[in-house]
PDB file of N, CA and C in Angstrom:
ATOM      1  N   MET A   1       0.950  -1.063   0.172  1.00  0.00           N
ATOM      2  CA  MET A   1      -0.007  -0.300   0.410  1.00  0.00           C
ATOM      3  C   MET A   1       0.966   1.115   0.094  1.00  0.00           C
ATOM      4  N   VAL A   2       1.817   1.132   0.351  1.00  0.00           N
ATOM      5  CA  VAL A   2       3.294   2.270   1.122  1.00  0.00           C
ATOM      6  C   VAL A   2       2.963   2.631  -1.164  1.00  0.00           C
ATOM      7  N   GLY A   3       2.901   3.851  -0.840  1.00  0.00           N
ATOM      8  CA  GLY A   3       3.408   4.856  -2.435  1.00  0.00           C
ATOM      9  C   GLY A   3       2.344   4.337  -2.954  1.00  0.00           C
ATOM     10  N   TYR A   4       1.463   3.973  -3.063  1.00  0.00           N
ATOM     11  CA  TYR A   4      -0.092   3.892  -3.881  1.00  0.00           C
ATOM     12  C   TYR A   4      -0.671   5.729  -3.764  1.00  0.00           C
ATOM     13  N   THR A   5      -1.407   5.755  -4.902  1.00  0.00           N
ATOM     14  CA  THR A   5      -1.770   7.184  -4.442  1.00  0.00           C
ATOM     15  C   THR A   5      -3.546   7.301  -4.905  1.00  0.00           C
ATOM     16  N   GLY A   6      -3.817   8.537  -4.593  1.00  0.00           N
ATOM     17  CA  GLY A   6      -5.790   8.548  -4.715  1.00  0.00           C
ATOM     18  C   GLY A   6      -5.923  10.174  -4.181  1.00  0.00           C
ATOM     19  N   ARG A   7      -7.051  10.025  -3.822  1.00  0.00           N
ATOM     20  CA  ARG A   7      -7.980  11.423  -3.799  1.00  0.00           C
ATOM     21  C   ARG A   7      -8.652  11.354  -1.908  1.00  0.00           C
ATOM     22  N   VAL A   8      -8.292  12.744  -1.758  1.00  0.00           N
ATOM     23  CA  VAL A   8      -9.401  12.930  -0.738  1.00  0.00           C
ATOM     24  C   VAL A   8     -10.567  12.904  -0.737  1.00  0.00           C
ATOM     25  N   THR A   9     -11.254  12.080  -0.154  1.00  0.00           N
ATOM     26  CA  THR A   9     -13.135  11.806  -0.163  1.00  0.00           C
ATOM     27  C   THR A   9     -13.976  12.253   1.105  1.00  0.00           C
ATOM     28  N   GLY A  10     -13.157  12.205   2.126  1.00  0.00           N
ATOM     29  CA  GLY A  10     -13.293  12.798   3.386  1.00  0.00           C
ATOM     30  C   GLY A  10     -12.618  13.891   4.317  1.00  0.00           C
ATOM     31  N   LYS A  11     -12.639  14.524   4.527  1.00  0.00           N
ATOM     32  CA  LYS A  11     -11.675  15.993   5.057  1.00  0.00           C
ATOM     33  C   LYS A  11     -10.305  14.746   6.236  1.00  0.00           C
ATOM     34  N   VAL A  12      -9.129  15.079   5.590  1.00  0.00           N
ATOM     35  CA  VAL A  12      -8.070  14.676   6.641  1.00  0.00           C
ATOM     36  C   VAL A  12      -7.141  15.577   7.604  1.00  0.00           C
ATOM     37  N   GLY A  13      -7.241  15.467   8.688  1.00  0.00           N
ATOM     38  CA  GLY A  13      -6.688  16.369   9.658  1.00  0.00           C
ATOM     39  C   GLY A  13      -6.817  16.036  10.710  1.00  0.00           C
ATOM     40  N   ALA A  14      -5.939  17.177  11.601  1.00  0.00           N
ATOM     41  CA  ALA A  14      -5.455  16.577  12.878  1.00  0.00           C
ATOM     42  C   ALA A  14      -6.797  16.430  13.962  1.00  0.00           C
ATOM     43  N   GLY A  15      -6.916  15.234  14.487  1.00  0.00           N
ATOM     44  CA  GLY A  15      -8.334  14.636  15.341  1.00  0.00           C
ATOM     45  C   GLY A  15      -9.759  14.519  14.362  1.00  0.00           C
ATOM     46  N   LEU A  16      -9.483  14.449  13.138  1.00  0.00           N
ATOM     47  CA  LEU A  16     -10.669  13.985  12.775  1.00  0.00           C
ATOM     48  C   LEU A  16      -9.782  12.570  11.758  1.00  0.00           C
ATOM     49  N   VAL A  17     -10.798  11.549  11.623  1.00  0.00           N
ATOM     50  CA  VAL A  17     -10.665  10.296  10.535  1.00  0.00           C
ATOM     51  C   VAL A  17     -11.339  10.999   9.324  1.00  0.00           C
ATOM     52  N   GLY A  18     -10.351  10.801   8.286  1.00  0.00           N
ATOM     53  CA  GLY A  18     -10.704  11.358   6.875  1.00  0.00           C
ATOM     54  C   GLY A  18     -10.881   9.993   6.409  1.00  0.00           C
ATOM     55  N   GLU A  19     -11.115  10.338   4.935  1.00  0.00           N
ATOM     56  CA  GLU A  19     -11.100   8.996   4.037  1.00  0.00           C
ATOM     57  C   GLU A  19     -11.080   9.482   2.571  1.00  0.00           C
ATOM     58  N   VAL A  20     -10.201   8.543   2.135  1.00  0.00           N
ATOM     59  CA  VAL A  20      -9.241   8.386   0.679  1.00  0.00           C
ATOM     60  C   VAL A  20      -9.813   7.495  -0.478  1.00  0.00           C
ATOM     61  N   LEU A  21      -9.805   7.888  -1.485  1.00  0.00           N
ATOM     62  CA  LEU A  21      -9.861   6.479  -2.853  1.00  0.00           C
ATOM     63  C   LEU A  21      -8.616   6.364  -2.893  1.00  0.00           C
ATOM     64  N   LEU A  22      -8.142   5.407  -2.816  1.00  0.00           N
ATOM     65  CA  LEU A  22      -7.326   4.589  -3.802  1.00  0.00           C
ATOM     66  C   LEU A  22      -7.548   3.535  -4.845  1.00  0.00           C
ATOM     67  N   HIS A  23      -6.238   4.069  -5.966  1.00  0.00           N
ATOM     68  CA  HIS A  23      -6.435   2.746  -6.588  1.00  0.00           C
ATOM     69  C   HIS A  23      -5.334   1.809  -6.071  1.00  0.00           C
ATOM     70  N   VAL A  24      -6.107   0.163  -5.893  1.00  0.00           N
ATOM     71  CA  VAL A  24      -5.241  -0.605  -5.921  1.00  0.00           C
ATOM     72  C   VAL A  24      -5.294  -1.465  -7.292  1.00  0.00           C
ATOM     73  N   PRO A  25      -3.968  -1.565  -7.643  1.00  0.00           N
ATOM     74  CA  PRO A  25      -3.901  -2.748  -9.091  1.00  0.00           C
ATOM     75  C   PRO A  25      -3.416  -3.949  -8.671  1.00  0.00           C
ATOM     76  N   GLU A  26      -3.452  -4.089  -8.149  1.00  0.00           N
ATOM     77  CA  GLU A  26      -3.396  -6.088  -7.574  1.00  0.00           C
ATOM     78  C   GLU A  26      -4.863  -6.474  -7.303  1.00  0.00           C
ATOM     79  N   ARG A  27      -5.970  -5.320  -7.442  1.00  0.00           N
ATOM     80  CA  ARG A  27      -7.297  -6.332  -7.344  1.00  0.00           C
ATOM     81  C   ARG A  27      -7.841  -4.917  -8.686  1.00  0.00           C
ATOM     82  N   LEU A  28      -7.419  -4.218  -9.373  1.00  0.00           N
ATOM     83  CA  LEU A  28      -8.186  -3.917 -10.571  1.00  0.00           C
ATOM     84  C   LEU A  28      -9.392  -3.038 -10.171  1.00  0.00           C
ATOM     85  N   ALA A  29      -8.645  -2.248  -8.926  1.00  0.00           N
ATOM     86  CA  ALA A  29     -10.306  -1.308  -8.098  1.00  0.00           C
ATOM     87  C   ALA A  29      -9.756  -0.252  -7.727  1.00  0.00           C
ATOM     88  N   THR A  30     -10.663   0.824  -6.878  1.00  0.00           N
ATOM     89  CA  THR A  30     -10.400   2.535  -6.316  1.00  0.00           C
ATOM     90  C   THR A  30     -11.420   1.424  -4.917  1.00  0.00           C
ATOM     91  N   GLU A  31     -10.575   1.807  -3.916  1.00  0.00           N
ATOM     92  CA  GLU A  31     -11.315   1.210  -2.488  1.00  0.00           C
ATOM     93  C   GLU A  31     -10.807   2.457  -1.782  1.00  0.00           C
ATOM     94  N   ALA A  32     -11.855   2.549  -0.675  1.00  0.00           N
ATOM     95  CA  ALA A  32     -11.783   3.357   0.179  1.00  0.00           C
ATOM     96  C   ALA A  32     -11.053   3.108   1.153  1.00  0.00           C
ATOM     97  N   PHE A  33     -10.467   4.282   1.615  1.00  0.00           N
ATOM     98  CA  PHE A  33      -9.720   3.281   3.151  1.00  0.00           C
ATOM     99  C   PHE A  33      -9.875   5.132   4.294  1.00  0.00           C
ATOM    100  N   LEU A  34      -9.656   4.337   5.621  1.00  0.00           N
ATOM    101  CA  LEU A  34      -9.549   5.411   6.571  1.00  0.00           C
ATOM    102  C   LEU A  34      -8.723   6.488   6.884  1.00  0.00           C
ATOM    103  N   ALA A  35      -8.150   7.604   6.862  1.00  0.00           N
ATOM    104  CA  ALA A  35      -6.954   8.057   6.589  1.00  0.00           C
ATOM    105  C   ALA A  35      -6.496   9.047   7.243  1.00  0.00           C
ATOM    106  N   TYR A  36      -5.666   9.412   7.896  1.00  0.00           N
ATOM    107  CA  TYR A  36      -4.853  10.259   9.266  1.00  0.00           C
ATOM    108  C   TYR A  36      -3.626  11.134   8.175  1.00  0.00           C
ATOM    109  N   PRO A  37      -3.578  12.180   8.578  1.00  0.00           N
ATOM    110  CA  PRO A  37      -2.161  13.179   8.047  1.00  0.00           C
ATOM    111  C   PRO A  37      -0.923  12.333   8.535  1.00  0.00           C
ATOM    112  N   SER A  38      -0.184  11.974   7.871  1.00  0.00           N
ATOM    113  CA  SER A  38       1.294  11.820   8.038  1.00  0.00           C
ATOM    114  C   SER A  38       2.100  12.755   8.798  1.00  0.00           C
ATOM    115  N   VAL A  39       1.929  14.208   8.360  1.00  0.00           N
ATOM    116  CA  VAL A  39       2.381  15.389   8.992  1.00  0.00           C
ATOM    117  C   VAL A  39       1.726  16.023  10.127  1.00  0.00           C
ATOM    118  N   PRO A  40       1.865  15.965  10.969  1.00  0.00           N
ATOM    119  CA  PRO A  40       1.130  16.599  12.233  1.00  0.00           C
ATOM    120  C   PRO A  40       0.573  17.474  11.775  1.00  0.00           C
ATOM    121  N   ASP A  41      -1.004  18.213  12.480  1.00  0.00           N
ATOM    122  CA  ASP A  41      -1.404  19.179  12.058  1.00  0.00           C
ATOM    123  C   ASP A  41      -1.770  19.787  10.883  1.00  0.00           C
ATOM    124  N   GLU A  42      -1.810  18.684   9.610  1.00  0.00           N
ATOM    125  CA  GLU A  42      -1.679  19.497   8.405  1.00  0.00           C
ATOM    126  C   GLU A  42      -3.415  19.093   7.857  1.00  0.00           C
ATOM    127  N   THR A  43      -4.035  19.955   7.380  1.00  0.00           N
ATOM    128  CA  THR A  43      -5.092  19.555   6.514  1.00  0.00           C
ATOM    129  C   THR A  43      -5.188  19.299   5.406  1.00  0.00           C
ATOM    130  N   LEU A  44      -5.834  18.320   4.841  1.00  0.00           N
ATOM    131  CA  LEU A  44      -5.846  17.401   3.403  1.00  0.00           C
ATOM    132  C   LEU A  44      -7.764  17.851   2.961  1.00  0.00           C
ATOM    133  N   PRO A  45      -8.066  19.322   2.208  1.00  0.00           N
ATOM    134  CA  PRO A  45      -9.012  19.372   2.245  1.00  0.00           C
ATOM    135  C   PRO A  45     -10.050  18.351   0.983  1.00  0.00           C
ATOM    136  N   LEU A  46     -10.842  18.180   0.489  1.00  0.00           N
ATOM    137  CA  LEU A  46     -11.753  17.242  -0.498  1.00  0.00           C
ATOM    138  C   LEU A  46     -10.598  16.995  -1.751  1.00  0.00           C
ATOM    139  N   GLY A  47     -10.244  15.695  -2.344  1.00  0.00           N
ATOM    140  CA  GLY A  47     -10.351  16.449  -3.515  1.00  0.00           C
ATOM    141  C   GLY A  47      -8.598  16.524  -3.433  1.00  0.00           C
ATOM    142  N   THR A  48      -7.853  16.211  -2.091  1.00  0.00           N
ATOM    143  CA  THR A  48      -6.403  16.875  -2.589  1.00  0.00           C
ATOM    144  C   THR A  48      -5.681  15.596  -3.295  1.00  0.00           C
ATOM    145  N   PRO A  49      -4.625  15.391  -4.157  1.00  0.00           N
ATOM    146  CA  PRO A  49      -4.288  14.347  -4.360  1.00  0.00           C
ATOM    147  C   PRO A  49      -3.420  13.904  -3.101  1.00  0.00           C
ATOM    148  N   VAL A  50      -3.430  12.710  -2.797  1.00  0.00           N
ATOM    149  CA  VAL A  50      -2.413  12.099  -1.697  1.00  0.00           C
ATOM    150  C   VAL A  50      -1.871  10.973  -2.242  1.00  0.00           C
ATOM    151  N   VAL A  51      -0.706  10.608  -1.247  1.00  0.00           N
ATOM    152  CA  VAL A  51       0.316   9.325  -1.690  1.00  0.00           C
ATOM    153  C   VAL A  51       0.563   8.644   0.184  1.00  0.00           C
ATOM    154  N   VAL A  52       0.364   7.351  -0.071  1.00  0.00           N
ATOM    155  CA  VAL A  52       0.181   6.780   1.225  1.00  0.00           C
ATOM    156  C   VAL A  52       1.949   6.319   1.841  1.00  0.00           C
ATOM    157  N   VAL A  53       1.991   6.583   3.168  1.00  0.00           N
ATOM    158  CA  VAL A  53       3.272   6.960   3.668  1.00  0.00           C
ATOM    159  C   VAL A  53       3.330   5.762   4.607  1.00  0.00           C
ATOM    160  N   GLU A  54       1.926   5.536   5.230  1.00  0.00           N
ATOM    161  CA  GLU A  54       2.147   3.642   6.253  1.00  0.00           C
ATOM    162  C   GLU A  54       0.828   3.091   5.677  1.00  0.00           C
ATOM    163  N   TYR A  55       0.682   1.968   6.114  1.00  0.00           N
ATOM    164  CA  TYR A  55       0.299   1.069   6.081  1.00  0.00           C
ATOM    165  C   TYR A  55      -0.689   0.461   7.406  1.00  0.00           C
ATOM    166  N   GLN A  56      -1.650   0.587   7.553  1.00  0.00           N
ATOM    167  CA  GLN A  56      -2.051  -0.268   9.316  1.00  0.00           C
ATOM    168  C   GLN A  56      -3.187  -0.855   8.321  1.00  0.00           C
ATOM    169  N   PRO A  57      -3.363  -2.550   8.393  1.00  0.00           N
ATOM    170  CA  PRO A  57      -4.389  -3.125   7.764  1.00  0.00           C
ATOM    171  C   PRO A  57      -4.980  -3.512   8.674  1.00  0.00           C
ATOM    172  N   PRO A  58      -6.600  -3.259   8.782  1.00  0.00           N
ATOM    173  CA  PRO A  58      -6.640  -3.851   7.490  1.00  0.00           C
ATOM    174  C   PRO A  58      -7.594  -2.768   6.344  1.00  0.00           C
ATOM    175  N   ARG A  59      -7.802  -1.357   7.153  1.00  0.00           N
ATOM    176  CA  ARG A  59      -8.163  -0.668   5.935  1.00  0.00           C
ATOM    177  C   ARG A  59      -7.521   1.323   6.944  1.00  0.00           C
ATOM    178  N   THR A  60      -6.049   1.194   6.941  1.00  0.00           N
ATOM    179  CA  THR A  60      -6.145   2.507   7.553  1.00  0.00           C
ATOM    180  C   THR A  60      -4.643   3.082   6.748  1.00  0.00           C
ATOM    181  N   VAL A  61      -4.490   4.162   6.630  1.00  0.00           N
ATOM    182  CA  VAL A  61      -3.552   4.701   6.330  1.00  0.00           C
ATOM    183  C   VAL A  61      -3.302   5.778   6.173  1.00  0.00           C
ATOM    184  N   TYR A  62      -1.928   6.394   6.652  1.00  0.00           N
ATOM    185  CA  TYR A  62      -1.903   7.771   6.671  1.00  0.00           C
ATOM    186  C   TYR A  62      -0.834   8.248   5.351  1.00  0.00           C
ATOM    187  N   VAL A  63      -1.556   9.266   5.107  1.00  0.00           N
ATOM    188  CA  VAL A  63      -0.763   9.789   4.178  1.00  0.00           C
ATOM    189  C   VAL A  63      -0.803  11.268   3.887  1.00  0.00           C
ATOM    190  N   ALA A  64      -0.152  11.717   2.933  1.00  0.00           N
ATOM    191  CA  ALA A  64       0.458  13.105   2.741  1.00  0.00           C
ATOM    192  C   ALA A  64       0.532  13.470   1.631  1.00  0.00           C
ATOM    193  N   ARG A  65       0.105  14.844   1.752  1.00  0.00           N
ATOM    194  CA  ARG A  65      -0.124  15.398   0.219  1.00  0.00           C
ATOM    195  C   ARG A  65       0.725  14.782  -1.565  1.00  0.00           C
ATOM    196  N   ALA A  66       0.479  14.958  -2.171  1.00  0.00           N
ATOM    197  CA  ALA A  66       0.945  14.292  -3.803  1.00  0.00           C
ATOM    198  C   ALA A  66       1.298  15.321  -3.974  1.00  0.00           C
ATOM    199  N   LEU A  67       2.791  14.940  -4.510  1.00  0.00           N
ATOM    200  CA  LEU A  67       3.442  15.929  -5.614  1.00  0.00           C
ATOM    201  C   LEU A  67       3.488  16.390  -6.877  1.00  0.00           C
ATOM    202  N   GLY A  68       2.639  17.755  -7.679  1.00  0.00           N
ATOM    203  CA  GLY A  68       2.825  17.307  -8.765  1.00  0.00           C
ATOM    204  C   GLY A  68       1.076  17.310  -8.987  1.00  0.00           C
TER     205      GLY A  68
END
């Protein structure tokens, strides 16, 4: 999961449990995951492109704003 990219579908921020949609190539699908910011106090609004920096099974990821 680390390195996968997607978009924020539920605001990600400090004190919030957000949601992201990630493309999962092994399953040929786009799936929803609970998301937390990898940078403390960063807020990621809806539609922000993100990259997974940490994965905690089964459905939790820590994300950062994707470059580019």
